[in-house]
Amino acid sequence: MNIAILTKPHMESNPTRVKVLELLRNFSDYCVKEISLKEEISADTDRVLVFGGDGTMLEAVRAIRGRDIPVLGVNLGHLGFLDSFEQNADCNRIIDCLKNGERVSRMLLDIEINAGDIMRSLNELVIKSA
């Protein structure tokens, strides 16, 4: 199973993240690739594991670009409404969910701007006046 790992740089030393990656790398059936938030997620990715908050999760969804790849989030930020786990979660439970977890679909919003420009949003759209 190919797993892409997305983490904000200042969260890379978080103990939960370090332990989960260590456990994943000990299983021979997992191929773990850490990528930056600016990189595109490769076509052979089976799962995306996100360490951060809601902003990091939204970046991951944008990077997937509509492909059917499950995303699992571990909240290391301030908000974590979109994440499945908090940072003090059992690392083995995180891995089990990554491998065998039930999938929950979330609605995406396609927003058309300026007659043709399409934006995709996971959880909200904010409209402000100039």
Protein backbone atom coordinates (compact mmCIF):
# COMPACT_ATOMS: atom_id res chain seq x y z
CA MET A 1 0.00 0.00 0.00
CA ASN A 2 1.39 3.39 -1.04
CA ILE A 3 0.83 6.05 1.60
CA ALA A 4 1.53 9.74 1.07
CA ILE A 5 2.30 11.64 4.28
CA LEU A 6 1.57 15.38 4.43
CA THR A 7 2.75 17.42 7.40
CA LYS A 8 3.33 21.09 8.04
CA PRO A 9 7.13 21.48 8.47
CA HIS A 10 6.97 22.77 12.06
CA MET A 11 4.99 19.65 13.10
CA GLU A 12 7.42 17.04 11.76
CA SER A 13 8.93 16.30 15.18
CA ASN A 14 5.58 15.70 16.88
CA PRO A 15 5.88 12.46 18.92
CA THR A 16 2.64 10.95 17.58
CA ARG A 17 3.72 11.58 13.99
CA VAL A 18 7.19 10.16 14.62
CA LYS A 19 5.76 7.00 16.24
CA VAL A 20 3.15 6.40 13.51
CA LEU A 21 5.76 6.75 10.74
CA GLU A 22 8.13 4.45 12.60
CA LEU A 23 5.42 1.79 12.89
CA LEU A 24 4.40 2.17 9.24
CA ARG A 25 7.98 1.79 8.05
CA ASN A 26 8.32 -1.44 10.06
CA PHE A 27 5.57 -3.09 8.00
CA SER A 28 6.90 -4.36 4.68
CA ASP A 29 3.53 -3.99 2.94
CA TYR A 30 3.56 -0.19 3.33
CA CYS A 31 5.48 2.20 1.10
CA VAL A 32 5.59 5.53 2.90
CA LYS A 33 6.42 8.71 1.00
CA GLU A 34 6.60 12.06 2.76
CA ILE A 35 5.61 14.90 0.48
CA SER A 36 5.38 18.64 0.92
CA LEU A 37 2.09 20.49 0.70
CA LYS A 38 3.23 21.96 -2.62
CA GLU A 39 3.82 18.57 -4.28
CA GLU A 40 1.23 16.73 -6.30
CA ILE A 41 0.13 13.40 -4.90
CA SER A 42 1.27 10.63 -7.26
CA ALA A 43 -1.22 8.51 -9.19
CA ASP A 44 -0.17 5.30 -7.43
CA THR A 45 -1.09 6.62 -3.97
CA ASP A 46 -3.56 4.40 -2.10
CA ARG A 47 -4.01 6.52 1.05
CA VAL A 48 -3.08 9.97 2.31
CA LEU A 49 -2.19 10.50 5.97
CA VAL A 50 -2.32 14.12 7.09
CA PHE A 51 -0.69 15.48 10.24
CA GLY A 52 -1.90 18.99 11.03
CA GLY A 53 -5.16 20.82 11.42
CA ASP A 54 -8.08 21.63 9.18
CA GLY A 55 -5.94 23.82 6.92
CA THR A 56 -3.53 20.96 6.25
CA MET A 57 -6.47 18.64 5.55
CA LEU A 58 -7.88 21.11 3.05
CA GLU A 59 -4.48 21.35 1.33
CA ALA A 60 -4.42 17.54 1.05
CA VAL A 61 -7.87 17.47 -0.54
CA ARG A 62 -6.75 20.09 -3.06
CA ALA A 63 -3.63 18.04 -3.86
CA ILE A 64 -5.73 14.96 -4.61
CA ARG A 65 -7.62 16.93 -7.23
CA GLY A 66 -10.83 14.89 -7.22
CA ARG A 67 -9.27 11.43 -7.31
CA ASP A 68 -10.84 8.73 -5.15
CA ILE A 69 -8.07 8.46 -2.54
CA PRO A 70 -9.01 8.09 1.15
CA VAL A 71 -7.57 10.75 3.45
CA LEU A 72 -7.03 10.24 7.17
CA GLY A 73 -6.20 13.16 9.44
CA VAL A 74 -4.42 13.41 12.77
CA ASN A 75 -5.04 16.77 14.41
CA LEU A 76 -1.82 18.45 15.51
CA GLY A 77 -3.13 21.97 14.97
CA HIS A 78 -5.58 24.27 16.70
CA LEU A 79 -8.71 23.16 14.87
CA GLY A 80 -9.36 19.60 13.86
CA PHE A 81 -12.99 19.31 12.88
CA LEU A 82 -12.04 17.48 9.68
CA ASP A 83 -9.52 15.14 11.31
CA SER A 84 -10.32 11.63 12.56
CA PHE A 85 -7.80 11.49 15.40
CA GLU A 86 -6.33 13.79 18.04
CA GLN A 87 -2.57 13.81 18.60
CA ASN A 88 -2.83 11.73 21.79
CA ALA A 89 -4.56 8.86 19.97
CA ASP A 90 -3.22 5.30 20.06
CA CYS A 91 -0.78 5.04 17.14
CA ASN A 92 -1.83 1.45 16.41
CA ARG A 93 -5.47 2.59 16.07
CA ILE A 94 -4.39 5.23 13.57
CA ILE A 95 -2.58 2.60 11.48
CA ASP A 96 -5.49 0.15 11.75
CA CYS A 97 -7.90 2.83 10.55
CA LEU A 98 -5.53 3.74 7.72
CA LYS A 99 -5.47 0.13 6.60
CA ASN A 100 -8.99 -1.11 7.38
CA GLY A 101 -11.04 1.92 8.32
CA GLU A 102 -14.55 2.58 7.24
CA ARG A 103 -14.74 5.23 4.56
CA VAL A 104 -16.86 8.30 5.15
CA SER A 105 -17.74 10.39 2.13
CA ARG A 106 -17.87 14.15 2.41
CA MET A 107 -19.62 16.45 0.04
CA LEU A 108 -17.45 18.73 -2.07
CA LEU A 109 -18.66 22.04 -3.40
CA ASP A 110 -17.80 23.11 -6.94
CA ILE A 111 -17.96 26.89 -7.11
CA GLU A 112 -18.01 28.66 -10.46
CA ILE A 113 -16.38 32.09 -10.42
CA ASN A 114 -16.17 34.57 -13.29
CA ALA A 115 -18.15 32.42 -15.72
CA GLY A 116 -15.91 29.40 -16.02
CA ASP A 117 -13.32 29.35 -13.26
CA ILE A 118 -14.17 26.40 -11.01
CA MET A 119 -12.99 26.11 -7.43
CA ARG A 120 -13.55 23.04 -5.28
CA SER A 121 -14.26 23.39 -1.57
CA LEU A 122 -14.48 20.71 1.10
CA ASN A 123 -16.41 22.32 3.89
CA GLU A 124 -17.28 25.94 3.27
CA LEU A 125 -17.20 28.96 1.02
CA VAL A 126 -16.83 32.49 2.37
CA ILE A 127 -18.04 35.43 0.32
CA LYS A 128 -16.79 38.86 1.37
CA SER A 129 -17.33 42.24 -0.14
CA ALA A 130 -14.36 44.26 -1.30
